[in-house]
Amino acid sequence: MTSIYQQAMGSEFGRLQPELREYFGTDAASGLAGHGRGVFDVAGSPAWFARPAFRLTALENAFFPEYNTDVPFTIDNYPHVDPFGRPALTARRELDFGTAVRLFEDTTSLQDGVLTDYVGRHRRMATLLTCTASDEGRMRMVSSRTRLFAGLRLPLPDAFGALAYVEQWWDDDAGAFRITTNVVHRQLGTLLVYAGLFEYSTHPFDGVLPPAAEPDRWERRV
């Protein structure tokens, strides 16, 4: 069995740095989950006008309104099979802003070779996730074609929504992973950012999500 990222990327997965292939290579049959710990040099919303909306999404464990530097964080990755039989990876991030601890959780599921990322504790927001390898072997991800599931499937045109750009790589000098994420609106600019360094290790995992990582609701629509 191969990971959802390897299946989605095909031969391009082999162009990633070896450390990235290990990071993104765990699957539901591997018997492994991952835990990372690090510090974001910067994290949160630099756009003051967007923070009221992010205060609402923070209630759903999706994004956060704070904006600060030197933010400690953890990430837990659990490869599993979702309730609809799709190979998936559920991630749970915890960021400590000092004044508040924020959770950011999502599940990425693979169906027909396409990755869909479901965000928030009720998984009511979904985006199409496209992964590519850079010339340097870094992982690049773009989230687009956002949909909201509020009873109906409501697509949000890119002109009214935002795109998320993620780049992750192994830093030989630091002996750790680096990640940068920018959520950018076409007209309004950068709405959310987090960038920093983290260490990562794997541990035994039986494929059953722990209660803290289990969402309040699953979504099968894409």
Protein backbone atom coordinates (compact mmCIF):
# COMPACT_ATOMS: atom_id res chain seq x y z
CA MET A 1 0.00 0.00 0.00
CA THR A 2 1.25 3.51 -0.78
CA SER A 3 0.42 6.82 0.88
CA ILE A 4 -2.25 9.16 -0.44
CA TYR A 5 0.43 11.63 -1.52
CA GLN A 6 2.41 9.02 -3.40
CA GLN A 7 -0.72 7.84 -5.18
CA ALA A 8 -1.76 11.39 -6.09
CA MET A 9 1.70 12.49 -7.24
CA GLY A 10 2.76 9.30 -9.04
CA SER A 11 6.38 9.29 -10.22
CA GLU A 12 6.80 12.92 -9.14
CA PHE A 13 6.76 11.73 -5.52
CA GLY A 14 10.23 10.25 -6.12
CA ARG A 15 11.63 13.73 -6.80
CA LEU A 16 11.01 14.83 -3.22
CA GLN A 17 13.85 14.99 -0.70
CA PRO A 18 14.31 11.60 1.04
CA GLU A 19 13.16 13.08 4.35
CA LEU A 20 9.98 14.35 2.69
CA ARG A 21 9.33 10.98 1.09
CA GLU A 22 9.48 9.45 4.56
CA TYR A 23 7.26 12.18 6.05
CA PHE A 24 4.60 11.95 3.36
CA GLY A 25 5.03 8.24 2.73
CA THR A 26 3.18 6.72 5.68
CA ASP A 27 -0.12 5.03 4.87
CA ALA A 28 -2.95 3.30 6.71
CA ALA A 29 -1.12 -0.05 6.58
CA SER A 30 2.20 1.30 7.86
CA GLY A 31 1.28 1.00 11.54
CA LEU A 32 2.80 4.43 12.13
CA ALA A 33 1.62 7.90 13.06
CA GLY A 34 3.74 11.04 13.29
CA HIS A 35 4.32 13.72 15.90
CA GLY A 36 6.06 17.04 15.31
CA ARG A 37 7.05 19.85 17.64
CA GLY A 38 8.50 23.23 16.76
CA VAL A 39 8.13 27.00 16.65
CA PHE A 40 6.54 29.19 14.02
CA ASP A 41 8.62 32.31 13.38
CA VAL A 42 5.32 33.98 12.55
CA ALA A 43 1.74 32.70 12.67
CA GLY A 44 -1.74 34.13 12.31
CA SER A 45 -3.62 36.79 10.39
CA PRO A 46 -1.70 39.94 9.39
CA ALA A 47 -4.95 41.32 7.90
CA TRP A 48 -6.79 43.06 10.74
CA PHE A 49 -10.02 43.21 8.72
CA ALA A 50 -10.07 39.40 8.38
CA ARG A 51 -9.67 38.63 12.07
CA PRO A 52 -13.40 38.81 12.97
CA ALA A 53 -14.07 36.07 10.40
CA PHE A 54 -11.16 34.01 11.71
CA ARG A 55 -12.56 34.30 15.25
CA LEU A 56 -15.61 32.46 13.96
CA THR A 57 -13.62 29.82 12.08
CA ALA A 58 -11.49 29.28 15.19
CA LEU A 59 -14.63 27.94 16.89
CA GLU A 60 -14.56 25.22 14.22
CA ASN A 61 -10.83 24.51 14.79
CA ALA A 62 -10.12 26.02 11.40
CA PHE A 63 -7.65 28.95 11.18
CA PHE A 64 -7.09 31.55 13.92
CA PRO A 65 -7.36 35.33 14.41
CA GLU A 66 -4.18 35.95 16.42
CA TYR A 67 -0.95 37.22 14.86
CA ASN A 68 2.35 36.73 16.65
CA THR A 69 5.96 35.66 16.38
CA ASP A 70 7.74 32.72 18.08
CA VAL A 71 4.60 30.59 18.40
CA PRO A 72 5.21 27.05 19.76
CA PHE A 73 3.19 24.37 17.99
CA THR A 74 2.69 20.62 17.70
CA ILE A 75 1.32 18.52 14.86
CA ASP A 76 0.01 14.96 14.90
CA ASN A 77 -0.53 13.04 11.66
CA TYR A 78 -2.67 9.88 11.54
CA PRO A 79 -2.88 7.85 8.31
CA HIS A 80 -6.10 5.81 8.26
CA VAL A 81 -9.13 4.83 6.22
CA ASP A 82 -12.04 7.26 6.53
CA PRO A 83 -15.61 6.05 7.25
CA PHE A 84 -16.33 5.92 3.51
CA GLY A 85 -13.46 3.57 2.73
CA ARG A 86 -11.11 6.20 1.34
CA PRO A 87 -7.41 6.28 2.32
CA ALA A 88 -6.90 9.41 4.36
CA LEU A 89 -4.62 11.41 6.63
CA THR A 90 -6.00 13.31 9.60
CA ALA A 91 -3.84 16.09 11.06
CA ARG A 92 -4.26 17.93 14.34
CA ARG A 93 -2.22 21.07 15.03
CA GLU A 94 -2.04 22.96 18.32
CA LEU A 95 -0.63 26.51 18.39
CA ASP A 96 0.15 28.33 21.64
CA PHE A 97 -0.20 32.09 21.16
CA GLY A 98 0.22 32.75 24.88
CA THR A 99 -3.15 34.46 25.15
CA ALA A 100 -4.92 31.51 23.50
CA VAL A 101 -4.25 27.95 22.38
CA ARG A 102 -5.71 27.29 18.95
CA LEU A 103 -6.47 23.99 17.24
CA PHE A 104 -6.38 23.52 13.49
CA GLU A 105 -7.55 20.15 12.21
CA ASP A 106 -8.29 18.57 8.86
CA THR A 107 -8.59 15.29 6.99
CA THR A 108 -7.18 14.77 3.51
CA SER A 109 -8.86 11.92 1.63
CA LEU A 110 -8.01 10.35 -1.72
CA GLN A 111 -10.70 9.43 -4.23
CA ASP A 112 -10.13 8.58 -7.90
CA GLY A 113 -6.57 9.90 -7.64
CA VAL A 114 -7.71 13.32 -6.37
CA LEU A 115 -6.95 14.74 -2.91
CA THR A 116 -9.71 16.59 -1.05
CA ASP A 117 -8.87 18.39 2.19
CA TYR A 118 -11.76 18.67 4.70
CA VAL A 119 -11.15 21.39 7.28
CA GLY A 120 -12.56 22.01 10.76
CA ARG A 121 -14.03 19.82 13.46
CA HIS A 122 -17.25 19.39 11.45
CA ARG A 123 -15.34 19.13 8.14
CA ARG A 124 -17.73 21.63 6.55
CA MET A 125 -15.09 23.25 4.34
CA ALA A 126 -13.33 21.32 1.59
CA THR A 127 -10.67 22.26 -0.92
CA LEU A 128 -8.97 20.56 -3.81
CA LEU A 129 -5.35 19.81 -2.89
CA THR A 130 -2.71 19.71 -5.61
CA CYS A 131 0.81 18.50 -4.75
CA THR A 132 4.00 18.96 -6.79
CA ALA A 133 7.74 18.60 -6.24
CA SER A 134 9.93 21.65 -6.77
CA ASP A 135 13.24 21.54 -8.62
CA GLU A 136 14.94 21.42 -5.19
CA GLY A 137 12.81 18.46 -4.07
CA ARG A 138 10.51 20.47 -1.83
CA MET A 139 6.84 19.61 -1.40
CA ARG A 140 4.50 22.27 -2.76
CA MET A 141 0.77 22.19 -2.14
CA VAL A 142 -1.99 24.44 -3.42
CA SER A 143 -5.52 24.39 -1.99
CA SER A 144 -8.17 25.70 -4.39
CA ARG A 145 -11.81 25.26 -5.42
CA THR A 146 -13.20 25.76 -1.93
CA ARG A 147 -16.62 24.32 -1.12
CA LEU A 148 -18.81 24.77 1.95
CA PHE A 149 -21.15 21.99 3.10
CA ALA A 150 -23.98 23.67 4.99
CA GLY A 151 -26.73 21.27 4.01
CA LEU A 152 -25.97 22.09 0.38
CA ARG A 153 -22.69 21.91 -1.48
CA LEU A 154 -21.79 25.56 -2.07
CA PRO A 155 -18.79 26.23 -4.31
CA LEU A 156 -16.90 29.46 -3.65
CA PRO A 157 -15.43 30.97 -6.83
CA ASP A 158 -11.74 31.77 -6.50
CA ALA A 159 -12.56 35.42 -7.12
CA PHE A 160 -14.47 35.47 -3.80
CA GLY A 161 -12.37 32.93 -1.95
CA ALA A 162 -8.67 32.47 -1.32
CA LEU A 163 -5.91 30.07 -2.25
CA ALA A 164 -3.56 28.41 0.24
CA TYR A 165 0.08 27.86 -0.75
CA VAL A 166 2.22 25.48 1.30
CA GLU A 167 5.88 24.64 0.89
CA GLN A 168 7.69 22.12 3.10
CA TRP A 169 11.30 20.96 2.98
CA TRP A 170 14.10 19.38 4.96
CA ASP A 171 16.73 21.81 6.28
CA ASP A 172 20.04 19.95 6.49
CA ASP A 173 21.71 22.66 8.55
CA ALA A 174 18.94 22.69 11.17
CA GLY A 175 18.31 18.94 11.04
CA ALA A 176 14.57 19.60 10.95
CA PHE A 177 11.67 20.39 8.65
CA ARG A 178 10.68 23.88 7.56
CA ILE A 179 7.22 24.88 6.40
CA THR A 180 5.68 28.06 5.02
CA THR A 181 1.95 28.54 4.45
CA ASN A 182 0.20 31.56 2.97
CA VAL A 183 -3.54 31.97 2.48
CA VAL A 184 -3.91 34.66 -0.16
CA HIS A 185 -7.01 36.43 -1.43
CA ARG A 186 -6.82 37.66 -5.01
CA GLN A 187 -7.90 41.21 -4.15
CA LEU A 188 -7.20 41.51 -0.42
CA GLY A 189 -3.73 39.97 -0.22
CA THR A 190 -2.37 37.68 2.49
CA LEU A 191 -5.04 36.73 5.02
CA LEU A 192 -3.19 34.06 7.02
CA VAL A 193 0.40 32.92 7.33
CA TYR A 194 2.48 30.50 9.33
CA ALA A 195 6.12 29.66 8.83
CA GLY A 196 8.66 27.90 10.99
CA LEU A 197 10.80 24.91 11.91
CA PHE A 198 9.85 21.60 13.51
CA GLU A 199 11.26 18.22 14.47
CA TYR A 200 9.29 15.10 13.60
CA SER A 201 9.23 11.44 14.57
CA THR A 202 6.95 8.43 14.09
CA HIS A 203 5.45 6.05 16.62
CA PRO A 204 3.27 2.90 16.51
CA PHE A 205 -0.36 3.48 15.52
CA ASP A 206 -3.18 0.97 15.14
CA GLY A 207 -5.13 2.95 12.53
CA VAL A 208 -7.90 4.02 14.93
CA LEU A 209 -8.07 7.77 15.46
CA PRO A 210 -7.72 8.84 19.10
CA PRO A 211 -10.72 10.76 20.49
CA ALA A 212 -8.88 14.08 20.31
CA ALA A 213 -8.36 13.67 16.55
CA GLU A 214 -11.83 12.32 15.75
CA PRO A 215 -13.96 15.02 14.04
CA ASP A 216 -17.47 15.79 15.21
CA ARG A 217 -18.72 15.07 11.70
CA TRP A 218 -17.43 13.38 8.54
CA GLU A 219 -18.08 14.53 4.98
CA ARG A 220 -18.03 12.30 1.92
CA ARG A 221 -18.94 14.85 -0.76
CA VAL A 222 -16.10 16.17 -2.90
